Amino acid sequence: MSSQWDEQAMQIERELDVCGLVCPLPILRTKQALATMVSGQILKIVATDPASVIDFQVFSDQTGNELISISQVSDEFVFILKKK
């Protein structure tokens, strides 16, 4: 996992805004979004809950979905996940 990645190099198939939601809702919404995607597709998630940083790392480890990137812009956290 890296903190920097090139958005131009990968096509984001879906974006998910979970701003304002707290654990466990960002992860639950992410699971729902991933269920509609095929293997290898990229999901971008934007969240405001600081706990989501740890939550998404654990989610990635437990599910096998690759957490490509975590970044922070102001009070928003941006996660880039690749579906397994």
PDB file of N, CA and C in Angstrom:
ATOM      1  N   MET A   1       0.840  -1.177   0.000  1.00  0.00           N
ATOM      2  CA  MET A   1       0.000   0.000   0.000  1.00  0.00           C
ATOM      3  C   MET A   1       0.880   1.234   0.000  1.00  0.00           C
ATOM      4  N   SER A   2       0.522   2.208  -0.791  1.00  0.00           N
ATOM      5  CA  SER A   2       1.266   3.451  -0.806  1.00  0.00           C
ATOM      6  C   SER A   2       0.320   4.594  -0.506  1.00  0.00           C
ATOM      7  N   SER A   3       0.886   5.702  -0.060  1.00  0.00           N
ATOM      8  CA  SER A   3       0.046   6.851   0.234  1.00  0.00           C
ATOM      9  C   SER A   3      -0.152   7.711  -1.006  1.00  0.00           C
ATOM     10  N   GLN A   4       0.636   7.498  -2.029  1.00  0.00           N
ATOM     11  CA  GLN A   4       0.522   8.252  -3.276  1.00  0.00           C
ATOM     12  C   GLN A   4       0.246   7.286  -4.417  1.00  0.00           C
ATOM     13  N   TRP A   5      -0.625   7.679  -5.332  1.00  0.00           N
ATOM     14  CA  TRP A   5      -0.879   6.864  -6.516  1.00  0.00           C
ATOM     15  C   TRP A   5      -1.352   7.784  -7.615  1.00  0.00           C
ATOM     16  N   ASP A   6      -1.305   7.316  -8.810  1.00  0.00           N
ATOM     17  CA  ASP A   6      -1.651   8.119  -9.977  1.00  0.00           C
ATOM     18  C   ASP A   6      -3.074   7.786 -10.424  1.00  0.00           C
ATOM     19  N   GLU A   7      -4.022   8.712 -10.165  1.00  0.00           N
ATOM     20  CA  GLU A   7      -5.409   8.470 -10.553  1.00  0.00           C
ATOM     21  C   GLU A   7      -5.548   8.293 -12.058  1.00  0.00           C
ATOM     22  N   GLN A   8      -4.651   8.883 -12.818  1.00  0.00           N
ATOM     23  CA  GLN A   8      -4.715   8.759 -14.263  1.00  0.00           C
ATOM     24  C   GLN A   8      -4.358   7.346 -14.713  1.00  0.00           C
ATOM     25  N   ALA A   9      -3.552   6.646 -13.922  1.00  0.00           N
ATOM     26  CA  ALA A   9      -3.065   5.326 -14.316  1.00  0.00           C
ATOM     27  C   ALA A   9      -4.124   4.238 -14.129  1.00  0.00           C
ATOM     28  N   MET A  10      -5.081   4.477 -13.256  1.00  0.00           N
ATOM     29  CA  MET A  10      -6.113   3.481 -12.986  1.00  0.00           C
ATOM     30  C   MET A  10      -7.485   4.084 -13.221  1.00  0.00           C
ATOM     31  N   GLN A  11      -8.375   3.262 -13.699  1.00  0.00           N
ATOM     32  CA  GLN A  11      -9.741   3.717 -13.911  1.00  0.00           C
ATOM     33  C   GLN A  11     -10.575   3.388 -12.685  1.00  0.00           C
ATOM     34  N   ILE A  12     -11.154   4.409 -12.095  1.00  0.00           N
ATOM     35  CA  ILE A  12     -12.041   4.202 -10.955  1.00  0.00           C
ATOM     36  C   ILE A  12     -13.423   3.877 -11.498  1.00  0.00           C
ATOM     37  N   GLU A  13     -13.895   2.675 -11.208  1.00  0.00           N
ATOM     38  CA  GLU A  13     -15.195   2.241 -11.708  1.00  0.00           C
ATOM     39  C   GLU A  13     -16.352   2.815 -10.902  1.00  0.00           C
ATOM     40  N   ARG A  14     -16.100   3.048  -9.624  1.00  0.00           N
ATOM     41  CA  ARG A  14     -17.190   3.513  -8.763  1.00  0.00           C
ATOM     42  C   ARG A  14     -16.637   4.388  -7.651  1.00  0.00           C
ATOM     43  N   GLU A  15     -17.400   5.404  -7.261  1.00  0.00           N
ATOM     44  CA  GLU A  15     -17.038   6.250  -6.128  1.00  0.00           C
ATOM     45  C   GLU A  15     -18.127   6.157  -5.071  1.00  0.00           C
ATOM     46  N   LEU A  16     -17.705   6.161  -3.826  1.00  0.00           N
ATOM     47  CA  LEU A  16     -18.628   6.019  -2.705  1.00  0.00           C
ATOM     48  C   LEU A  16     -18.343   7.133  -1.703  1.00  0.00           C
ATOM     49  N   ASP A  17     -19.362   7.916  -1.382  1.00  0.00           N
ATOM     50  CA  ASP A  17     -19.239   9.001  -0.412  1.00  0.00           C
ATOM     51  C   ASP A  17     -19.890   8.555   0.890  1.00  0.00           C
ATOM     52  N   VAL A  18     -19.065   8.346   1.912  1.00  0.00           N
ATOM     53  CA  VAL A  18     -19.579   7.957   3.223  1.00  0.00           C
ATOM     54  C   VAL A  18     -19.259   9.032   4.261  1.00  0.00           C
ATOM     55  N   CYS A  19     -19.103  10.262   3.795  1.00  0.00           N
ATOM     56  CA  CYS A  19     -18.816  11.378   4.694  1.00  0.00           C
ATOM     57  C   CYS A  19     -19.959  11.560   5.684  1.00  0.00           C
ATOM     58  N   GLY A  20     -19.592  11.796   6.941  1.00  0.00           N
ATOM     59  CA  GLY A  20     -20.588  11.993   7.982  1.00  0.00           C
ATOM     60  C   GLY A  20     -21.018  10.704   8.670  1.00  0.00           C
ATOM     61  N   LEU A  21     -20.653   9.572   8.102  1.00  0.00           N
ATOM     62  CA  LEU A  21     -21.004   8.285   8.707  1.00  0.00           C
ATOM     63  C   LEU A  21     -19.866   7.803   9.603  1.00  0.00           C
ATOM     64  N   VAL A  22     -20.225   7.108  10.667  1.00  0.00           N
ATOM     65  CA  VAL A  22     -19.213   6.555  11.574  1.00  0.00           C
ATOM     66  C   VAL A  22     -19.321   5.036  11.590  1.00  0.00           C
ATOM     67  N   CYS A  23     -18.279   4.417  12.103  1.00  0.00           N
ATOM     68  CA  CYS A  23     -18.175   2.968  12.172  1.00  0.00           C
ATOM     69  C   CYS A  23     -19.449   2.381  12.759  1.00  0.00           C
ATOM     70  N   PRO A  24     -19.997   1.345  12.160  1.00  0.00           N
ATOM     71  CA  PRO A  24     -19.463   0.520  11.075  1.00  0.00           C
ATOM     72  C   PRO A  24     -20.011   0.884   9.693  1.00  0.00           C
ATOM     73  N   LEU A  25     -20.760   1.988   9.571  1.00  0.00           N
ATOM     74  CA  LEU A  25     -21.444   2.285   8.315  1.00  0.00           C
ATOM     75  C   LEU A  25     -20.529   2.447   7.099  1.00  0.00           C
ATOM     76  N   PRO A  26     -19.361   3.118   7.203  1.00  0.00           N
ATOM     77  CA  PRO A  26     -18.509   3.203   5.999  1.00  0.00           C
ATOM     78  C   PRO A  26     -18.102   1.830   5.456  1.00  0.00           C
ATOM     79  N   ILE A  27     -17.803   0.904   6.351  1.00  0.00           N
ATOM     80  CA  ILE A  27     -17.410  -0.442   5.915  1.00  0.00           C
ATOM     81  C   ILE A  27     -18.618  -1.186   5.338  1.00  0.00           C
ATOM     82  N   LEU A  28     -19.772  -1.059   5.970  1.00  0.00           N
ATOM     83  CA  LEU A  28     -20.975  -1.731   5.459  1.00  0.00           C
ATOM     84  C   LEU A  28     -21.340  -1.224   4.073  1.00  0.00           C
ATOM     85  N   ARG A  29     -21.270   0.078   3.866  1.00  0.00           N
ATOM     86  CA  ARG A  29     -21.572   0.646   2.544  1.00  0.00           C
ATOM     87  C   ARG A  29     -20.540   0.197   1.515  1.00  0.00           C
ATOM     88  N   THR A  30     -19.290   0.081   1.957  1.00  0.00           N
ATOM     89  CA  THR A  30     -18.234  -0.396   1.057  1.00  0.00           C
ATOM     90  C   THR A  30     -18.492  -1.842   0.647  1.00  0.00           C
ATOM     91  N   LYS A  31     -18.878  -2.685   1.603  1.00  0.00           N
ATOM     92  CA  LYS A  31     -19.206  -4.085   1.284  1.00  0.00           C
ATOM     93  C   LYS A  31     -20.333  -4.152   0.256  1.00  0.00           C
ATOM     94  N   GLN A  32     -21.350  -3.319   0.434  1.00  0.00           N
ATOM     95  CA  GLN A  32     -22.476  -3.301  -0.505  1.00  0.00           C
ATOM     96  C   GLN A  32     -22.010  -2.879  -1.899  1.00  0.00           C
ATOM     97  N   ALA A  33     -21.162  -1.870  -1.959  1.00  0.00           N
ATOM     98  CA  ALA A  33     -20.663  -1.389  -3.249  1.00  0.00           C
ATOM     99  C   ALA A  33     -19.811  -2.457  -3.927  1.00  0.00           C
ATOM    100  N   LEU A  34     -18.933  -3.100  -3.169  1.00  0.00           N
ATOM    101  CA  LEU A  34     -18.071  -4.137  -3.738  1.00  0.00           C
ATOM    102  C   LEU A  34     -18.873  -5.322  -4.257  1.00  0.00           C
ATOM    103  N   ALA A  35     -20.001  -5.600  -3.636  1.00  0.00           N
ATOM    104  CA  ALA A  35     -20.837  -6.726  -4.056  1.00  0.00           C
ATOM    105  C   ALA A  35     -21.390  -6.527  -5.467  1.00  0.00           C
ATOM    106  N   THR A  36     -21.444  -5.288  -5.926  1.00  0.00           N
ATOM    107  CA  THR A  36     -21.974  -4.993  -7.264  1.00  0.00           C
ATOM    108  C   THR A  36     -20.862  -4.890  -8.307  1.00  0.00           C
ATOM    109  N   MET A  37     -19.628  -5.081  -7.870  1.00  0.00           N
ATOM    110  CA  MET A  37     -18.473  -4.910  -8.760  1.00  0.00           C
ATOM    111  C   MET A  37     -17.849  -6.265  -9.099  1.00  0.00           C
ATOM    112  N   VAL A  38     -17.028  -6.274 -10.155  1.00  0.00           N
ATOM    113  CA  VAL A  38     -16.328  -7.496 -10.534  1.00  0.00           C
ATOM    114  C   VAL A  38     -14.869  -7.416 -10.102  1.00  0.00           C
ATOM    115  N   SER A  39     -14.226  -8.566 -10.022  1.00  0.00           N
ATOM    116  CA  SER A  39     -12.838  -8.650  -9.594  1.00  0.00           C
ATOM    117  C   SER A  39     -11.937  -7.741 -10.430  1.00  0.00           C
ATOM    118  N   GLY A  40     -11.077  -7.002  -9.733  1.00  0.00           N
ATOM    119  CA  GLY A  40     -10.131  -6.126 -10.401  1.00  0.00           C
ATOM    120  C   GLY A  40     -10.594  -4.689 -10.553  1.00  0.00           C
ATOM    121  N   GLN A  41     -11.887  -4.450 -10.303  1.00  0.00           N
ATOM    122  CA  GLN A  41     -12.384  -3.078 -10.428  1.00  0.00           C
ATOM    123  C   GLN A  41     -11.939  -2.235  -9.234  1.00  0.00           C
ATOM    124  N   ILE A  42     -11.890  -0.917  -9.452  1.00  0.00           N
ATOM    125  CA  ILE A  42     -11.393   0.019  -8.451  1.00  0.00           C
ATOM    126  C   ILE A  42     -12.549   0.820  -7.862  1.00  0.00           C
ATOM    127  N   LEU A  43     -12.561   0.901  -6.524  1.00  0.00           N
ATOM    128  CA  LEU A  43     -13.563   1.662  -5.791  1.00  0.00           C
ATOM    129  C   LEU A  43     -12.862   2.769  -5.016  1.00  0.00           C
ATOM    130  N   LYS A  44     -13.348   3.993  -5.167  1.00  0.00           N
ATOM    131  CA  LYS A  44     -12.831   5.141  -4.415  1.00  0.00           C
ATOM    132  C   LYS A  44     -13.857   5.482  -3.339  1.00  0.00           C
ATOM    133  N   ILE A  45     -13.397   5.537  -2.083  1.00  0.00           N
ATOM    134  CA  ILE A  45     -14.268   5.846  -0.959  1.00  0.00           C
ATOM    135  C   ILE A  45     -13.778   7.129  -0.301  1.00  0.00           C
ATOM    136  N   VAL A  46     -14.705   8.039  -0.033  1.00  0.00           N
ATOM    137  CA  VAL A  46     -14.384   9.275   0.671  1.00  0.00           C
ATOM    138  C   VAL A  46     -15.126   9.248   2.002  1.00  0.00           C
ATOM    139  N   ALA A  47     -14.373   9.407   3.106  1.00  0.00           N
ATOM    140  CA  ALA A  47     -14.944   9.325   4.448  1.00  0.00           C
ATOM    141  C   ALA A  47     -14.423  10.480   5.313  1.00  0.00           C
ATOM    142  N   THR A  48     -15.147  10.759   6.397  1.00  0.00           N
ATOM    143  CA  THR A  48     -14.705  11.797   7.331  1.00  0.00           C
ATOM    144  C   THR A  48     -14.374  11.236   8.709  1.00  0.00           C
ATOM    145  N   ASP A  49     -14.715   9.997   8.969  1.00  0.00           N
ATOM    146  CA  ASP A  49     -14.468   9.379  10.275  1.00  0.00           C
ATOM    147  C   ASP A  49     -12.992   9.000  10.397  1.00  0.00           C
ATOM    148  N   PRO A  50     -12.254   9.633  11.331  1.00  0.00           N
ATOM    149  CA  PRO A  50     -10.828   9.297  11.486  1.00  0.00           C
ATOM    150  C   PRO A  50     -10.584   7.816  11.765  1.00  0.00           C
ATOM    151  N   ALA A  51     -11.522   7.139  12.409  1.00  0.00           N
ATOM    152  CA  ALA A  51     -11.374   5.711  12.709  1.00  0.00           C
ATOM    153  C   ALA A  51     -11.416   4.869  11.444  1.00  0.00           C
ATOM    154  N   SER A  52     -11.918   5.445  10.363  1.00  0.00           N
ATOM    155  CA  SER A  52     -12.025   4.677   9.118  1.00  0.00           C
ATOM    156  C   SER A  52     -10.658   4.287   8.561  1.00  0.00           C
ATOM    157  N   VAL A  53      -9.613   5.027   8.928  1.00  0.00           N
ATOM    158  CA  VAL A  53      -8.269   4.682   8.448  1.00  0.00           C
ATOM    159  C   VAL A  53      -7.903   3.274   8.916  1.00  0.00           C
ATOM    160  N   ILE A  54      -8.078   3.016  10.196  1.00  0.00           N
ATOM    161  CA  ILE A  54      -7.786   1.682  10.740  1.00  0.00           C
ATOM    162  C   ILE A  54      -8.808   0.676  10.229  1.00  0.00           C
ATOM    163  N   ASP A  55     -10.083   1.090  10.189  1.00  0.00           N
ATOM    164  CA  ASP A  55     -11.148   0.184   9.749  1.00  0.00           C
ATOM    165  C   ASP A  55     -10.886  -0.354   8.346  1.00  0.00           C
ATOM    166  N   PHE A  56     -10.477   0.519   7.425  1.00  0.00           N
ATOM    167  CA  PHE A  56     -10.253   0.075   6.049  1.00  0.00           C
ATOM    168  C   PHE A  56      -9.000  -0.790   5.922  1.00  0.00           C
ATOM    169  N   GLN A  57      -7.992  -0.538   6.751  1.00  0.00           N
ATOM    170  CA  GLN A  57      -6.812  -1.396   6.738  1.00  0.00           C
ATOM    171  C   GLN A  57      -7.180  -2.806   7.204  1.00  0.00           C
ATOM    172  N   VAL A  58      -7.954  -2.899   8.272  1.00  0.00           N
ATOM    173  CA  VAL A  58      -8.387  -4.196   8.795  1.00  0.00           C
ATOM    174  C   VAL A  58      -9.318  -4.876   7.788  1.00  0.00           C
ATOM    175  N   PHE A  59     -10.246  -4.115   7.212  1.00  0.00           N
ATOM    176  CA  PHE A  59     -11.171  -4.664   6.217  1.00  0.00           C
ATOM    177  C   PHE A  59     -10.404  -5.267   5.045  1.00  0.00           C
ATOM    178  N   SER A  60      -9.396  -4.558   4.579  1.00  0.00           N
ATOM    179  CA  SER A  60      -8.586  -5.043   3.464  1.00  0.00           C
ATOM    180  C   SER A  60      -7.871  -6.342   3.833  1.00  0.00           C
ATOM    181  N   ASP A  61      -7.272  -6.373   5.014  1.00  0.00           N
ATOM    182  CA  ASP A  61      -6.564  -7.577   5.474  1.00  0.00           C
ATOM    183  C   ASP A  61      -7.518  -8.770   5.600  1.00  0.00           C
ATOM    184  N   GLN A  62      -8.710  -8.529   6.120  1.00  0.00           N
ATOM    185  CA  GLN A  62      -9.651  -9.618   6.385  1.00  0.00           C
ATOM    186  C   GLN A  62     -10.354 -10.128   5.130  1.00  0.00           C
ATOM    187  N   THR A  63     -10.541  -9.246   4.143  1.00  0.00           N
ATOM    188  CA  THR A  63     -11.328  -9.632   2.972  1.00  0.00           C
ATOM    189  C   THR A  63     -10.476  -9.955   1.747  1.00  0.00           C
ATOM    190  N   GLY A  64      -9.218  -9.515   1.744  1.00  0.00           N
ATOM    191  CA  GLY A  64      -8.370  -9.752   0.588  1.00  0.00           C
ATOM    192  C   GLY A  64      -8.513  -8.713  -0.510  1.00  0.00           C
ATOM    193  N   ASN A  65      -9.380  -7.723  -0.308  1.00  0.00           N
ATOM    194  CA  ASN A  65      -9.462  -6.617  -1.253  1.00  0.00           C
ATOM    195  C   ASN A  65      -8.242  -5.721  -1.025  1.00  0.00           C
ATOM    196  N   GLU A  66      -7.591  -5.321  -2.110  1.00  0.00           N
ATOM    197  CA  GLU A  66      -6.330  -4.586  -1.991  1.00  0.00           C
ATOM    198  C   GLU A  66      -6.572  -3.109  -1.708  1.00  0.00           C
ATOM    199  N   LEU A  67      -6.021  -2.630  -0.598  1.00  0.00           N
ATOM    200  CA  LEU A  67      -6.070  -1.212  -0.262  1.00  0.00           C
ATOM    201  C   LEU A  67      -4.891  -0.550  -0.950  1.00  0.00           C
ATOM    202  N   ILE A  68      -5.159   0.068  -2.090  1.00  0.00           N
ATOM    203  CA  ILE A  68      -4.096   0.638  -2.916  1.00  0.00           C
ATOM    204  C   ILE A  68      -3.556   1.923  -2.322  1.00  0.00           C
ATOM    205  N   SER A  69      -4.448   2.732  -1.763  1.00  0.00           N
ATOM    206  CA  SER A  69      -4.027   4.055  -1.320  1.00  0.00           C
ATOM    207  C   SER A  69      -4.921   4.576  -0.208  1.00  0.00           C
ATOM    208  N   ILE A  70      -4.290   5.319   0.707  1.00  0.00           N
ATOM    209  CA  ILE A  70      -5.006   6.111   1.708  1.00  0.00           C
ATOM    210  C   ILE A  70      -4.419   7.512   1.645  1.00  0.00           C
ATOM    211  N   SER A  71      -5.276   8.502   1.521  1.00  0.00           N
ATOM    212  CA  SER A  71      -4.791   9.875   1.550  1.00  0.00           C
ATOM    213  C   SER A  71      -5.774  10.730   2.338  1.00  0.00           C
ATOM    214  N   GLN A  72      -5.301  11.894   2.752  1.00  0.00           N
ATOM    215  CA  GLN A  72      -6.155  12.804   3.498  1.00  0.00           C
ATOM    216  C   GLN A  72      -6.096  14.176   2.850  1.00  0.00           C
ATOM    217  N   VAL A  73      -7.276  14.736   2.604  1.00  0.00           N
ATOM    218  CA  VAL A  73      -7.384  16.085   2.079  1.00  0.00           C
ATOM    219  C   VAL A  73      -8.297  16.838   3.035  1.00  0.00           C
ATOM    220  N   SER A  74      -7.716  17.778   3.767  1.00  0.00           N
ATOM    221  CA  SER A  74      -8.454  18.519   4.784  1.00  0.00           C
ATOM    222  C   SER A  74      -9.016  17.523   5.792  1.00  0.00           C
ATOM    223  N   ASP A  75     -10.335  17.483   5.976  1.00  0.00           N
ATOM    224  CA  ASP A  75     -10.925  16.562   6.955  1.00  0.00           C
ATOM    225  C   ASP A  75     -11.499  15.317   6.303  1.00  0.00           C
ATOM    226  N   GLU A  76     -11.133  15.075   5.048  1.00  0.00           N
ATOM    227  CA  GLU A  76     -11.630  13.896   4.333  1.00  0.00           C
ATOM    228  C   GLU A  76     -10.508  12.888   4.092  1.00  0.00           C
ATOM    229  N   PHE A  77     -10.872  11.621   4.238  1.00  0.00           N
ATOM    230  CA  PHE A  77      -9.950  10.525   3.971  1.00  0.00           C
ATOM    231  C   PHE A  77     -10.402   9.854   2.674  1.00  0.00           C
ATOM    232  N   VAL A  78      -9.444   9.598   1.803  1.00  0.00           N
ATOM    233  CA  VAL A  78      -9.763   8.981   0.519  1.00  0.00           C
ATOM    234  C   VAL A  78      -9.078   7.611   0.464  1.00  0.00           C
ATOM    235  N   PHE A  79      -9.877   6.583   0.230  1.00  0.00           N
ATOM    236  CA  PHE A  79      -9.388   5.210   0.143  1.00  0.00           C
ATOM    237  C   PHE A  79      -9.599   4.699  -1.262  1.00  0.00           C
ATOM    238  N   ILE A  80      -8.596   4.034  -1.803  1.00  0.00           N
ATOM    239  CA  ILE A  80      -8.707   3.406  -3.106  1.00  0.00           C
ATOM    240  C   ILE A  80      -8.572   1.902  -2.886  1.00  0.00           C
ATOM    241  N   LEU A  81      -9.647   1.179  -3.202  1.00  0.00           N
ATOM    242  CA  LEU A  81      -9.690  -0.275  -3.014  1.00  0.00           C
ATOM    243  C   LEU A  81      -9.829  -0.972  -4.359  1.00  0.00           C
ATOM    244  N   LYS A  82      -9.107  -2.071  -4.493  1.00  0.00           N
ATOM    245  CA  LYS A  82      -9.240  -2.926  -5.687  1.00  0.00           C
ATOM    246  C   LYS A  82      -9.923  -4.205  -5.254  1.00  0.00           C
ATOM    247  N   LYS A  83     -11.046  -4.512  -5.887  1.00  0.00           N
ATOM    248  CA  LYS A  83     -11.791  -5.716  -5.509  1.00  0.00           C
ATOM    249  C   LYS A  83     -11.000  -6.964  -5.869  1.00  0.00           C
ATOM    250  N   LYS A  84     -10.974  -7.911  -4.930  1.00  0.00           N
ATOM    251  CA  LYS A  84     -10.243  -9.162  -5.166  1.00  0.00           C
ATOM    252  C   LYS A  84     -10.925 -10.017  -6.194  1.00  0.00           C
TER     253      LYS A  84
END
